C-alpha atoms as a PDB file:
ATOM      1  CA  MET A   1     -10.055 102.562 -85.314  1.00  0.00           C
ATOM      2  CA  LYS A   2     -13.818 102.741 -85.503  1.00  0.00           C
ATOM      3  CA  GLY A   3     -14.891 105.764 -83.464  1.00  0.00           C
ATOM      4  CA  GLN A   4     -11.604 105.940 -81.588  1.00  0.00           C
ATOM      5  CA  LEU A   5      -9.410 109.027 -81.468  1.00  0.00           C
ATOM      6  CA  LYS A   6      -5.646 109.269 -81.417  1.00  0.00           C
ATOM      7  CA  LEU A   7      -4.485 112.083 -79.121  1.00  0.00           C
ATOM      8  CA  ARG A   8      -1.033 113.655 -79.098  1.00  0.00           C
ATOM      9  CA  LEU A   9      -0.249 114.455 -75.464  1.00  0.00           C
ATOM     10  CA  VAL A  10       1.449 117.493 -73.991  1.00  0.00           C
ATOM     11  CA  SER A  11       1.526 115.819 -70.585  1.00  0.00           C
ATOM     12  CA  ASP A  12       4.383 113.864 -69.098  1.00  0.00           C
ATOM     13  CA  ARG A  13       1.850 111.839 -67.078  1.00  0.00           C
ATOM     14  CA  PRO A  14      -0.290 109.905 -69.591  1.00  0.00           C
ATOM     15  CA  ASP A  15      -1.249 107.320 -66.971  1.00  0.00           C
ATOM     16  CA  HIS A  16      -3.156 110.072 -65.177  1.00  0.00           C
ATOM     17  CA  LEU A  17      -5.527 110.427 -68.141  1.00  0.00           C
ATOM     18  CA  GLU A  18      -6.263 106.707 -68.025  1.00  0.00           C
ATOM     19  CA  ARG A  19      -6.869 106.662 -64.263  1.00  0.00           C
ATOM     20  CA  ARG A  20      -8.513 109.944 -63.232  1.00  0.00           C
ATOM     21  CA  VAL A  21      -9.977 111.894 -66.126  1.00  0.00           C
ATOM     22  CA  LYS A  22     -13.673 111.285 -66.802  1.00  0.00           C
ATOM     23  CA  THR A  23     -14.450 114.046 -69.329  1.00  0.00           C
ATOM     24  CA  LEU A  24     -12.560 115.544 -72.271  1.00  0.00           C
ATOM     25  CA  TYR A  25     -13.470 118.977 -73.646  1.00  0.00           C
ATOM     26  CA  ILE A  26     -13.005 119.208 -77.406  1.00  0.00           C
ATOM     27  CA  GLY A  27     -12.850 122.088 -79.870  1.00  0.00           C
ATOM     28  CA  LYS A  28     -13.121 125.843 -79.478  1.00  0.00           C
ATOM     29  CA  LEU A  29     -16.493 125.487 -77.750  1.00  0.00           C
ATOM     30  CA  ARG A  30     -15.049 122.906 -75.327  1.00  0.00           C
ATOM     31  CA  GLN A  31     -17.798 120.359 -76.056  1.00  0.00           C
ATOM     32  CA  PRO A  32     -17.747 117.780 -73.214  1.00  0.00           C
ATOM     33  CA  TYR A  33     -17.313 114.086 -74.069  1.00  0.00           C
ATOM     34  CA  THR A  34     -17.346 111.309 -71.480  1.00  0.00           C
ATOM     35  CA  LEU A  35     -14.167 109.235 -71.640  1.00  0.00           C
ATOM     36  CA  LYS A  36     -15.056 105.544 -71.968  1.00  0.00           C
ATOM     37  CA  SER A  37     -11.540 104.136 -72.337  1.00  0.00           C
ATOM     38  CA  ALA A  38      -7.970 105.253 -72.891  1.00  0.00           C
ATOM     39  CA  PHE A  39      -4.674 103.497 -73.406  1.00  0.00           C
ATOM     40  CA  GLN A  40      -1.184 104.632 -74.229  1.00  0.00           C
ATOM     41  CA  HIS A  41      -0.281 103.850 -77.847  1.00  0.00           C
ATOM     42  CA  LYS A  42       3.232 105.350 -77.977  1.00  0.00           C
ATOM     43  CA  SER A  43       5.192 107.589 -75.644  1.00  0.00           C
ATOM     44  CA  ASN A  44       3.181 110.704 -76.534  1.00  0.00           C
ATOM     45  CA  LEU A  45       0.067 109.169 -78.119  1.00  0.00           C
ATOM     46  CA  MET A  46      -3.125 107.880 -76.506  1.00  0.00           C
ATOM     47  CA  ILE A  47      -6.027 106.046 -78.103  1.00  0.00           C
ATOM     48  CA  VAL A  48      -9.350 107.077 -76.545  1.00  0.00           C
ATOM     49  CA  THR A  49     -12.961 106.029 -76.919  1.00  0.00           C
ATOM     50  CA  LEU A  50     -15.598 108.657 -76.138  1.00  0.00           C
ATOM     51  CA  ASP A  51     -19.338 108.518 -75.558  1.00  0.00           C
ATOM     52  CA  GLY A  52     -21.043 109.954 -78.631  1.00  0.00           C
ATOM     53  CA  VAL A  53     -18.184 109.142 -81.019  1.00  0.00           C
ATOM     54  CA  ALA A  54     -19.282 105.826 -82.499  1.00  0.00           C
ATOM     55  CA  SER A  55     -18.087 105.894 -86.106  1.00  0.00           C
ATOM     56  CA  ARG A  56     -15.052 106.771 -88.150  1.00  0.00           C
ATOM     57  CA  ASP A  57     -16.997 109.787 -89.504  1.00  0.00           C
ATOM     58  CA  ASP A  58     -17.718 110.984 -85.944  1.00  0.00           C
ATOM     59  CA  ALA A  59     -14.021 110.707 -85.115  1.00  0.00           C
ATOM     60  CA  GLU A  60     -12.971 112.384 -88.376  1.00  0.00           C
ATOM     61  CA  ALA A  61     -15.190 115.393 -87.565  1.00  0.00           C
ATOM     62  CA  LEU A  62     -13.017 116.005 -84.478  1.00  0.00           C
ATOM     63  CA  ARG A  63      -9.661 115.706 -86.302  1.00  0.00           C
ATOM     64  CA  GLY A  64      -7.296 118.559 -85.498  1.00  0.00           C
ATOM     65  CA  SER A  65      -9.386 119.815 -82.568  1.00  0.00           C
ATOM     66  CA  GLU A  66      -7.776 120.891 -79.342  1.00  0.00           C
ATOM     67  CA  VAL A  67      -8.572 118.598 -76.421  1.00  0.00           C
ATOM     68  CA  ALA A  68      -8.572 119.848 -72.839  1.00  0.00           C
ATOM     69  CA  ILE A  69      -9.346 118.631 -69.347  1.00  0.00           C
ATOM     70  CA  ARG A  70     -10.394 120.595 -66.284  1.00  0.00           C
ATOM     71  CA  GLU A  71      -7.468 121.906 -64.279  1.00  0.00           C
ATOM     72  CA  GLN A  72      -8.736 120.129 -61.156  1.00  0.00           C
ATOM     73  CA  ASP A  73      -8.605 116.818 -63.083  1.00  0.00           C
ATOM     74  CA  ALA A  74      -4.943 117.299 -64.014  1.00  0.00           C
ATOM     75  CA  ALA A  75      -2.123 115.590 -62.164  1.00  0.00           C
ATOM     76  CA  PRO A  76      -0.760 117.709 -59.298  1.00  0.00           C
ATOM     77  CA  LEU A  77       2.080 120.034 -60.296  1.00  0.00           C
ATOM     78  CA  ALA A  78       5.475 120.332 -58.668  1.00  0.00           C
ATOM     79  CA  ASP A  79       6.421 123.771 -57.321  1.00  0.00           C
ATOM     80  CA  ASP A  80       8.382 124.664 -60.473  1.00  0.00           C
ATOM     81  CA  GLU A  81       5.695 123.448 -62.925  1.00  0.00           C
ATOM     82  CA  TYR A  82       2.786 125.279 -64.555  1.00  0.00           C
ATOM     83  CA  PHE A  83      -0.085 124.675 -66.950  1.00  0.00           C
ATOM     84  CA  LEU A  84       0.390 126.010 -70.480  1.00  0.00           C
ATOM     85  CA  HIS A  85      -2.844 128.011 -70.281  1.00  0.00           C
ATOM     86  CA  GLN A  86      -1.336 129.978 -67.383  1.00  0.00           C
ATOM     87  CA  LEU A  87       1.159 131.532 -69.818  1.00  0.00           C
ATOM     88  CA  HIS A  88      -1.542 133.165 -71.954  1.00  0.00           C
ATOM     89  CA  GLU A  89      -1.731 136.945 -71.458  1.00  0.00           C
ATOM     90  CA  LEU A  90       1.451 137.073 -69.341  1.00  0.00           C
ATOM     91  CA  GLN A  91       3.387 140.295 -69.819  1.00  0.00           C
ATOM     92  CA  VAL A  92       6.793 139.685 -71.405  1.00  0.00           C
ATOM     93  CA  MET A  93       9.564 141.971 -70.177  1.00  0.00           C
ATOM     94  CA  THR A  94      13.262 142.442 -70.864  1.00  0.00           C
ATOM     95  CA  GLU A  95      15.696 141.934 -67.996  1.00  0.00           C
ATOM     96  CA  ALA A  96      15.800 145.737 -67.743  1.00  0.00           C
ATOM     97  CA  GLY A  97      12.037 145.791 -67.119  1.00  0.00           C
ATOM     98  CA  GLU A  98      10.961 147.099 -70.532  1.00  0.00           C
ATOM     99  CA  ALA A  99       7.688 145.696 -71.870  1.00  0.00           C
ATOM    100  CA  ILE A 100       7.943 143.519 -74.988  1.00  0.00           C
ATOM    101  CA  GLY A 101       4.300 142.438 -75.210  1.00  0.00           C
ATOM    102  CA  THR A 102       1.879 139.761 -73.995  1.00  0.00           C
ATOM    103  CA  VAL A 103       1.793 136.020 -74.632  1.00  0.00           C
ATOM    104  CA  ARG A 104      -0.832 135.287 -77.283  1.00  0.00           C
ATOM    105  CA  ASP A 105      -0.114 131.593 -77.874  1.00  0.00           C
ATOM    106  CA  ILE A 106       2.336 128.756 -77.282  1.00  0.00           C
ATOM    107  CA  VAL A 107       3.579 126.811 -80.305  1.00  0.00           C
ATOM    108  CA  GLU A 108       5.191 123.390 -80.044  1.00  0.00           C
ATOM    109  CA  THR A 109       8.144 123.077 -82.409  1.00  0.00           C
ATOM    110  CA  GLY A 110       9.681 119.806 -81.271  1.00  0.00           C
ATOM    111  CA  ALA A 111      12.927 121.274 -79.957  1.00  0.00           C
ATOM    112  CA  SER A 112      11.263 123.634 -77.477  1.00  0.00           C
ATOM    113  CA  ASP A 113       7.963 125.422 -77.101  1.00  0.00           C
ATOM    114  CA  MET A 114       7.809 128.960 -78.496  1.00  0.00           C
ATOM    115  CA  LEU A 115       5.905 131.850 -76.965  1.00  0.00           C
ATOM    116  CA  VAL A 116       4.006 133.895 -79.536  1.00  0.00           C
ATOM    117  CA  VAL A 117       4.184 137.410 -78.111  1.00  0.00           C
ATOM    118  CA  ARG A 118       1.754 140.115 -79.255  1.00  0.00           C
ATOM    119  CA  ARG A 119       3.622 143.422 -79.591  1.00  0.00           C
ATOM    120  CA  LEU A 120       1.739 146.708 -79.884  1.00  0.00           C
ATOM    121  CA  GLY A 121       2.077 148.141 -83.386  1.00  0.00           C
ATOM    122  CA  LYS A 122       4.545 145.441 -84.472  1.00  0.00           C
ATOM    123  CA  THR A 123       4.466 141.888 -85.758  1.00  0.00           C
ATOM    124  CA  ASP A 124       4.306 139.083 -83.212  1.00  0.00           C
ATOM    125  CA  ALA A 125       7.604 137.918 -81.722  1.00  0.00           C
ATOM    126  CA  LEU A 126       8.554 134.261 -81.252  1.00  0.00           C
ATOM    127  CA  ILE A 127      10.505 133.581 -78.070  1.00  0.00           C
ATOM    128  CA  PRO A 128      11.893 130.089 -77.348  1.00  0.00           C
ATOM    129  CA  MET A 129      10.985 128.631 -73.951  1.00  0.00           C
ATOM    130  CA  VAL A 130      14.613 127.981 -72.973  1.00  0.00           C
ATOM    131  CA  ARG A 131      16.693 129.373 -70.105  1.00  0.00           C
ATOM    132  CA  ASP A 132      18.793 131.555 -72.427  1.00  0.00           C
ATOM    133  CA  PHE A 133      15.652 133.555 -73.275  1.00  0.00           C
ATOM    134  CA  ILE A 134      13.293 133.036 -70.313  1.00  0.00           C
ATOM    135  CA  VAL A 135      15.092 134.179 -67.187  1.00  0.00           C
ATOM    136  CA  GLU A 136      12.070 134.177 -64.863  1.00  0.00           C
ATOM    137  CA  LEU A 137       8.410 133.157 -64.950  1.00  0.00           C
ATOM    138  CA  ASP A 138       6.219 135.045 -62.502  1.00  0.00           C
ATOM    139  CA  ILE A 139       2.837 133.454 -63.118  1.00  0.00           C
ATOM    140  CA  PRO A 140       1.178 134.889 -59.974  1.00  0.00           C
ATOM    141  CA  GLY A 141       2.538 138.330 -60.936  1.00  0.00           C
ATOM    142  CA  GLY A 142       1.540 137.880 -64.582  1.00  0.00           C
ATOM    143  CA  ARG A 143       5.053 138.359 -66.038  1.00  0.00           C
ATOM    144  CA  SER A 144       7.765 136.447 -67.854  1.00  0.00           C
END
């Protein structure tokens, strides 16, 4: 795979990446790379070729980096869907309205995503993204 990258997708619409996305933003600094080609390799893997990534060494330098697209380039969401980045900094509350903390990160575990919740003066809490634990998501109101 000379200069190609293998991407693990968190999207259920990989065809959208192939058809509509022109630029990928890679790493913490969100360095833009023009997408030259993309094809689905397996159900959750894509092989992409980017402008400026011509060798195996170039590709290796990007290994493990987070890859993002602009929100306006993403496939349209259904009413009950959200982007993962919208969960960051949400306030997490109990059903009784008591504050638990704020979402610091989302971790994929395979079974279900986990919210990493920053709690003041305590260690972070891990909360599974399943109905037994997440009763309501109020993204416009900034609460879960």
